[in-house]
């Protein structure tokens, strides 16, 4: 039981996964009709994508620094 819980929750340790989850949840909130406009959803999706790309760039730079040592 604990092993299953760890497997399910382990991806949440990643910043990229948390940003993606928040981004997708905001898009679904607009779809359900919580009064979020289309422009706000597109802004949230754009910022989420930019954050994920920034985190990936940061991670790649850290790996490169480690490889040079």
PDB file of N, CA and C in Angstrom:
ATOM      1  N   UNK A   1       0.821  -1.190   0.000  1.00  0.00           N
ATOM      2  CA  UNK A   1       0.000   0.000   0.000  1.00  0.00           C
ATOM      3  C   UNK A   1       0.875   1.267   0.000  1.00  0.00           C
ATOM      4  N   UNK A   2       1.884   1.316   0.896  1.00  0.00           N
ATOM      5  CA  UNK A   2       2.769   2.477   0.955  1.00  0.00           C
ATOM      6  C   UNK A   2       3.597   2.606  -0.319  1.00  0.00           C
ATOM      7  N   UNK A   3       3.963   1.464  -0.883  1.00  0.00           N
ATOM      8  CA  UNK A   3       4.745   1.488  -2.119  1.00  0.00           C
ATOM      9  C   UNK A   3       3.936   2.135  -3.247  1.00  0.00           C
ATOM     10  N   UNK A   4       2.672   1.793  -3.332  1.00  0.00           N
ATOM     11  CA  UNK A   4       1.794   2.383  -4.348  1.00  0.00           C
ATOM     12  C   UNK A   4       1.653   3.891  -4.123  1.00  0.00           C
ATOM     13  N   UNK A   5       1.472   4.304  -2.879  1.00  0.00           N
ATOM     14  CA  UNK A   5       1.352   5.731  -2.570  1.00  0.00           C
ATOM     15  C   UNK A   5       2.634   6.475  -2.945  1.00  0.00           C
ATOM     16  N   UNK A   6       3.790   5.879  -2.654  1.00  0.00           N
ATOM     17  CA  UNK A   6       5.060   6.510  -3.023  1.00  0.00           C
ATOM     18  C   UNK A   6       5.203   6.636  -4.529  1.00  0.00           C
ATOM     19  N   UNK A   7       4.798   5.609  -5.265  1.00  0.00           N
ATOM     20  CA  UNK A   7       4.886   5.656  -6.727  1.00  0.00           C
ATOM     21  C   UNK A   7       3.983   6.728  -7.309  1.00  0.00           C
ATOM     22  N   UNK A   8       2.817   6.893  -6.722  1.00  0.00           N
ATOM     23  CA  UNK A   8       1.874   7.885  -7.230  1.00  0.00           C
ATOM     24  C   UNK A   8       2.342   9.294  -6.888  1.00  0.00           C
ATOM     25  N   UNK A   9       2.893   9.485  -5.699  1.00  0.00           N
ATOM     26  CA  UNK A   9       3.266  10.817  -5.239  1.00  0.00           C
ATOM     27  C   UNK A   9       4.683  11.236  -5.624  1.00  0.00           C
ATOM     28  N   UNK A  10       5.533  10.295  -6.015  1.00  0.00           N
ATOM     29  CA  UNK A  10       6.920  10.613  -6.357  1.00  0.00           C
ATOM     30  C   UNK A  10       7.052  11.668  -7.458  1.00  0.00           C
ATOM     31  N   UNK A  11       6.237  11.633  -8.518  1.00  0.00           N
ATOM     32  CA  UNK A  11       6.389  12.669  -9.550  1.00  0.00           C
ATOM     33  C   UNK A  11       6.114  14.083  -9.045  1.00  0.00           C
ATOM     34  N   UNK A  12       5.367  14.223  -7.968  1.00  0.00           N
ATOM     35  CA  UNK A  12       5.071  15.553  -7.441  1.00  0.00           C
ATOM     36  C   UNK A  12       6.300  16.235  -6.839  1.00  0.00           C
ATOM     37  N   UNK A  13       7.382  15.507  -6.678  1.00  0.00           N
ATOM     38  CA  UNK A  13       8.623  16.105  -6.191  1.00  0.00           C
ATOM     39  C   UNK A  13       9.268  16.970  -7.278  1.00  0.00           C
ATOM     40  N   UNK A  14       8.892  16.742  -8.523  1.00  0.00           N
ATOM     41  CA  UNK A  14       9.449  17.495  -9.647  1.00  0.00           C
ATOM     42  C   UNK A  14       8.739  18.837  -9.798  1.00  0.00           C
ATOM     43  N   UNK A  15       9.524  19.908  -9.924  1.00  0.00           N
ATOM     44  CA  UNK A  15       8.925  21.231 -10.131  1.00  0.00           C
ATOM     45  C   UNK A  15       8.176  21.290 -11.453  1.00  0.00           C
ATOM     46  N   UNK A  16       8.711  20.625 -12.468  1.00  0.00           N
ATOM     47  CA  UNK A  16       8.050  20.647 -13.778  1.00  0.00           C
ATOM     48  C   UNK A  16       6.671  19.996 -13.712  1.00  0.00           C
ATOM     49  N   UNK A  17       6.555  18.908 -12.979  1.00  0.00           N
ATOM     50  CA  UNK A  17       5.268  18.215 -12.853  1.00  0.00           C
ATOM     51  C   UNK A  17       4.278  19.089 -12.098  1.00  0.00           C
ATOM     52  N   UNK A  18       4.732  19.754 -11.040  1.00  0.00           N
ATOM     53  CA  UNK A  18       3.818  20.613 -10.277  1.00  0.00           C
ATOM     54  C   UNK A  18       3.331  21.788 -11.113  1.00  0.00           C
ATOM     55  N   UNK A  19       4.208  22.393 -11.910  1.00  0.00           N
ATOM     56  CA  UNK A  19       3.798  23.504 -12.771  1.00  0.00           C
ATOM     57  C   UNK A  19       2.825  23.007 -13.833  1.00  0.00           C
ATOM     58  N   UNK A  20       3.121  21.867 -14.421  1.00  0.00           N
ATOM     59  CA  UNK A  20       2.229  21.312 -15.441  1.00  0.00           C
ATOM     60  C   UNK A  20       0.855  20.998 -14.847  1.00  0.00           C
ATOM     61  N   UNK A  21       0.833  20.439 -13.657  1.00  0.00           N
ATOM     62  CA  UNK A  21      -0.433  20.110 -13.003  1.00  0.00           C
ATOM     63  C   UNK A  21      -1.248  21.367 -12.724  1.00  0.00           C
ATOM     64  N   UNK A  22      -0.617  22.404 -12.211  1.00  0.00           N
ATOM     65  CA  UNK A  22      -1.318  23.656 -11.937  1.00  0.00           C
ATOM     66  C   UNK A  22      -1.829  24.293 -13.224  1.00  0.00           C
ATOM     67  N   UNK A  23      -1.038  24.205 -14.282  1.00  0.00           N
ATOM     68  CA  UNK A  23      -1.434  24.778 -15.562  1.00  0.00           C
ATOM     69  C   UNK A  23      -2.649  24.051 -16.132  1.00  0.00           C
ATOM     70  N   UNK A  24      -2.616  22.746 -16.099  1.00  0.00           N
ATOM     71  CA  UNK A  24      -3.736  21.959 -16.629  1.00  0.00           C
ATOM     72  C   UNK A  24      -4.990  22.161 -15.771  1.00  0.00           C
ATOM     73  N   UNK A  25      -4.826  22.217 -14.460  1.00  0.00           N
ATOM     74  CA  UNK A  25      -5.983  22.450 -13.586  1.00  0.00           C
ATOM     75  C   UNK A  25      -6.632  23.802 -13.853  1.00  0.00           C
ATOM     76  N   UNK A  26      -5.842  24.811 -14.140  1.00  0.00           N
ATOM     77  CA  UNK A  26      -6.428  26.115 -14.447  1.00  0.00           C
ATOM     78  C   UNK A  26      -7.202  26.073 -15.767  1.00  0.00           C
ATOM     79  N   UNK A  27      -6.699  25.336 -16.722  1.00  0.00           N
ATOM     80  CA  UNK A  27      -7.414  25.198 -17.995  1.00  0.00           C
ATOM     81  C   UNK A  27      -8.734  24.462 -17.792  1.00  0.00           C
ATOM     82  N   UNK A  28      -8.730  23.415 -16.976  1.00  0.00           N
ATOM     83  CA  UNK A  28      -9.976  22.708 -16.685  1.00  0.00           C
ATOM     84  C   UNK A  28     -10.946  23.574 -15.885  1.00  0.00           C
ATOM     85  N   UNK A  29     -10.427  24.429 -15.003  1.00  0.00           N
ATOM     86  CA  UNK A  29     -11.295  25.324 -14.230  1.00  0.00           C
ATOM     87  C   UNK A  29     -12.054  26.255 -15.164  1.00  0.00           C
ATOM     88  N   UNK A  30     -11.403  26.721 -16.187  1.00  0.00           N
ATOM     89  CA  UNK A  30     -12.073  27.573 -17.167  1.00  0.00           C
ATOM     90  C   UNK A  30     -13.105  26.786 -17.954  1.00  0.00           C
ATOM     91  N   UNK A  31     -12.788  25.544 -18.255  1.00  0.00           N
ATOM     92  CA  UNK A  31     -13.702  24.689 -19.013  1.00  0.00           C
ATOM     93  C   UNK A  31     -14.971  24.392 -18.219  1.00  0.00           C
ATOM     94  N   UNK A  32     -14.815  24.227 -16.911  1.00  0.00           N
ATOM     95  CA  UNK A  32     -15.959  23.920 -16.049  1.00  0.00           C
ATOM     96  C   UNK A  32     -16.857  25.142 -15.894  1.00  0.00           C
ATOM     97  N   UNK A  33     -16.294  26.311 -16.070  1.00  0.00           N
ATOM     98  CA  UNK A  33     -17.101  27.516 -16.001  1.00  0.00           C
ATOM     99  C   UNK A  33     -16.928  28.294 -14.715  1.00  0.00           C
ATOM    100  N   UNK A  34     -15.720  28.408 -14.226  1.00  0.00           N
ATOM    101  CA  UNK A  34     -15.477  29.150 -12.997  1.00  0.00           C
ATOM    102  C   UNK A  34     -15.235  30.633 -13.255  1.00  0.00           C
ATOM    103  N   UNK A  35     -15.633  31.108 -14.398  1.00  0.00           N
ATOM    104  CA  UNK A  35     -15.540  32.529 -14.691  1.00  0.00           C
ATOM    105  C   UNK A  35     -14.162  33.003 -15.095  1.00  0.00           C
ATOM    106  N   UNK A  36     -13.334  32.106 -15.536  1.00  0.00           N
ATOM    107  CA  UNK A  36     -11.996  32.477 -16.003  1.00  0.00           C
ATOM    108  C   UNK A  36     -12.081  32.704 -17.503  1.00  0.00           C
ATOM    109  N   UNK A  37     -11.644  33.866 -17.943  1.00  0.00           N
ATOM    110  CA  UNK A  37     -11.718  34.206 -19.362  1.00  0.00           C
ATOM    111  C   UNK A  37     -10.680  33.475 -20.197  1.00  0.00           C
ATOM    112  N   UNK A  38     -10.929  33.484 -21.488  1.00  0.00           N
ATOM    113  CA  UNK A  38     -10.034  32.790 -22.420  1.00  0.00           C
ATOM    114  C   UNK A  38      -8.634  33.400 -22.412  1.00  0.00           C
ATOM    115  N   UNK A  39      -8.566  34.724 -22.319  1.00  0.00           N
ATOM    116  CA  UNK A  39      -7.255  35.384 -22.301  1.00  0.00           C
ATOM    117  C   UNK A  39      -6.447  34.989 -21.077  1.00  0.00           C
ATOM    118  N   UNK A  40      -7.114  34.871 -19.926  1.00  0.00           N
ATOM    119  CA  UNK A  40      -6.418  34.472 -18.704  1.00  0.00           C
ATOM    120  C   UNK A  40      -5.919  33.033 -18.813  1.00  0.00           C
ATOM    121  N   UNK A  41      -6.726  32.160 -19.392  1.00  0.00           N
ATOM    122  CA  UNK A  41      -6.306  30.765 -19.570  1.00  0.00           C
ATOM    123  C   UNK A  41      -5.085  30.698 -20.482  1.00  0.00           C
ATOM    124  N   UNK A  42      -5.109  31.444 -21.571  1.00  0.00           N
ATOM    125  CA  UNK A  42      -3.965  31.444 -22.476  1.00  0.00           C
ATOM    126  C   UNK A  42      -2.726  32.024 -21.797  1.00  0.00           C
ATOM    127  N   UNK A  43      -2.909  33.024 -20.961  1.00  0.00           N
ATOM    128  CA  UNK A  43      -1.785  33.587 -20.215  1.00  0.00           C
ATOM    129  C   UNK A  43      -1.207  32.556 -19.258  1.00  0.00           C
ATOM    130  N   UNK A  44      -2.083  31.865 -18.535  1.00  0.00           N
ATOM    131  CA  UNK A  44      -1.631  30.835 -17.594  1.00  0.00           C
ATOM    132  C   UNK A  44      -0.908  29.717 -18.329  1.00  0.00           C
ATOM    133  N   UNK A  45      -1.443  29.288 -19.453  1.00  0.00           N
ATOM    134  CA  UNK A  45      -0.793  28.229 -20.232  1.00  0.00           C
ATOM    135  C   UNK A  45       0.566  28.690 -20.754  1.00  0.00           C
ATOM    136  N   UNK A  46       0.651  29.929 -21.211  1.00  0.00           N
ATOM    137  CA  UNK A  46       1.931  30.454 -21.700  1.00  0.00           C
ATOM    138  C   UNK A  46       2.972  30.558 -20.597  1.00  0.00           C
ATOM    139  N   UNK A  47       2.551  31.063 -19.445  1.00  0.00           N
ATOM    140  CA  UNK A  47       3.477  31.176 -18.324  1.00  0.00           C
ATOM    141  C   UNK A  47       3.903  29.789 -17.839  1.00  0.00           C
ATOM    142  N   UNK A  48       2.967  28.858 -17.806  1.00  0.00           N
ATOM    143  CA  UNK A  48       3.301  27.482 -17.403  1.00  0.00           C
ATOM    144  C   UNK A  48       4.311  26.852 -18.334  1.00  0.00           C
ATOM    145  N   UNK A  49       4.100  27.029 -19.636  1.00  0.00           N
ATOM    146  CA  UNK A  49       5.050  26.475 -20.611  1.00  0.00           C
ATOM    147  C   UNK A  49       6.415  27.132 -20.470  1.00  0.00           C
ATOM    148  N   UNK A  50       6.436  28.446 -20.254  1.00  0.00           N
ATOM    149  CA  UNK A  50       7.708  29.144 -20.083  1.00  0.00           C
ATOM    150  C   UNK A  50       8.435  28.683 -18.820  1.00  0.00           C
ATOM    151  N   UNK A  51       7.695  28.473 -17.749  1.00  0.00           N
ATOM    152  CA  UNK A  51       8.307  27.988 -16.515  1.00  0.00           C
ATOM    153  C   UNK A  51       8.905  26.602 -16.700  1.00  0.00           C
ATOM    154  N   UNK A  52       8.171  25.728 -17.360  1.00  0.00           N
ATOM    155  CA  UNK A  52       8.670  24.369 -17.585  1.00  0.00           C
ATOM    156  C   UNK A  52       9.938  24.399 -18.431  1.00  0.00           C
ATOM    157  N   UNK A  53       9.942  25.221 -19.482  1.00  0.00           N
ATOM    158  CA  UNK A  53      11.143  25.332 -20.309  1.00  0.00           C
ATOM    159  C   UNK A  53      12.305  25.935 -19.534  1.00  0.00           C
ATOM    160  N   UNK A  54      12.025  26.917 -18.691  1.00  0.00           N
ATOM    161  CA  UNK A  54      13.077  27.520 -17.869  1.00  0.00           C
ATOM    162  C   UNK A  54      13.666  26.536 -16.883  1.00  0.00           C
ATOM    163  N   UNK A  55      12.816  25.734 -16.261  1.00  0.00           N
ATOM    164  CA  UNK A  55      13.290  24.725 -15.315  1.00  0.00           C
ATOM    165  C   UNK A  55      14.134  23.680 -16.046  1.00  0.00           C
ATOM    166  N   UNK A  56      13.694  23.273 -17.228  1.00  0.00           N
ATOM    167  CA  UNK A  56      14.457  22.292 -18.004  1.00  0.00           C
ATOM    168  C   UNK A  56      15.824  22.858 -18.391  1.00  0.00           C
ATOM    169  N   UNK A  57      15.850  24.132 -18.765  1.00  0.00           N
ATOM    170  CA  UNK A  57      17.121  24.782 -19.118  1.00  0.00           C
ATOM    171  C   UNK A  57      18.044  24.835 -17.902  1.00  0.00           C
ATOM    172  N   UNK A  58      17.481  25.187 -16.754  1.00  0.00           N
ATOM    173  CA  UNK A  58      18.259  25.243 -15.515  1.00  0.00           C
ATOM    174  C   UNK A  58      18.811  23.865 -15.142  1.00  0.00           C
ATOM    175  N   UNK A  59      17.979  22.836 -15.284  1.00  0.00           N
ATOM    176  CA  UNK A  59      18.423  21.474 -14.979  1.00  0.00           C
ATOM    177  C   UNK A  59      19.537  21.021 -15.918  1.00  0.00           C
ATOM    178  N   UNK A  60      19.407  21.368 -17.191  1.00  0.00           N
ATOM    179  CA  UNK A  60      20.434  20.982 -18.163  1.00  0.00           C
ATOM    180  C   UNK A  60      21.758  21.683 -17.857  1.00  0.00           C
ATOM    181  N   UNK A  61      21.681  22.936 -17.461  1.00  0.00           N
ATOM    182  CA  UNK A  61      22.908  23.666 -17.124  1.00  0.00           C
ATOM    183  C   UNK A  61      23.576  23.067 -15.888  1.00  0.00           C
ATOM    184  N   UNK A  62      22.778  22.656 -14.921  1.00  0.00           N
ATOM    185  CA  UNK A  62      23.333  22.039 -13.714  1.00  0.00           C
ATOM    186  C   UNK A  62      24.018  20.710 -14.059  1.00  0.00           C
ATOM    187  N   UNK A  63      23.396  19.925 -14.935  1.00  0.00           N
ATOM    188  CA  UNK A  63      23.998  18.652 -15.344  1.00  0.00           C
ATOM    189  C   UNK A  63      25.307  18.899 -16.104  1.00  0.00           C
ATOM    190  N   UNK A  64      25.333  19.927 -16.915  1.00  0.00           N
ATOM    191  CA  UNK A  64      26.541  20.252 -17.673  1.00  0.00           C
ATOM    192  C   UNK A  64      27.668  20.676 -16.728  1.00  0.00           C
ATOM    193  N   UNK A  65      27.334  21.490 -15.725  1.00  0.00           N
ATOM    194  CA  UNK A  65      28.348  21.887 -14.734  1.00  0.00           C
ATOM    195  C   UNK A  65      28.886  20.677 -13.987  1.00  0.00           C
ATOM    196  N   UNK A  66      28.029  19.744 -13.632  1.00  0.00           N
ATOM    197  CA  UNK A  66      28.449  18.534 -12.923  1.00  0.00           C
ATOM    198  C   UNK A  66      29.338  17.665 -13.818  1.00  0.00           C
ATOM    199  N   UNK A  67      29.012  17.599 -15.104  1.00  0.00           N
ATOM    200  CA  UNK A  67      29.798  16.762 -16.021  1.00  0.00           C
ATOM    201  C   UNK A  67      31.197  17.336 -16.237  1.00  0.00           C
ATOM    202  N   UNK A  68      31.328  18.656 -16.119  1.00  0.00           N
ATOM    203  CA  UNK A  68      32.632  19.285 -16.321  1.00  0.00           C
ATOM    204  C   UNK A  68      33.553  19.117 -15.132  1.00  0.00           C
ATOM    205  N   UNK A  69      33.038  18.749 -14.000  1.00  0.00           N
ATOM    206  CA  UNK A  69      33.862  18.572 -12.803  1.00  0.00           C
ATOM    207  C   UNK A  69      34.656  17.322 -12.844  1.00  0.00           C
TER     208      UNK A  69
END
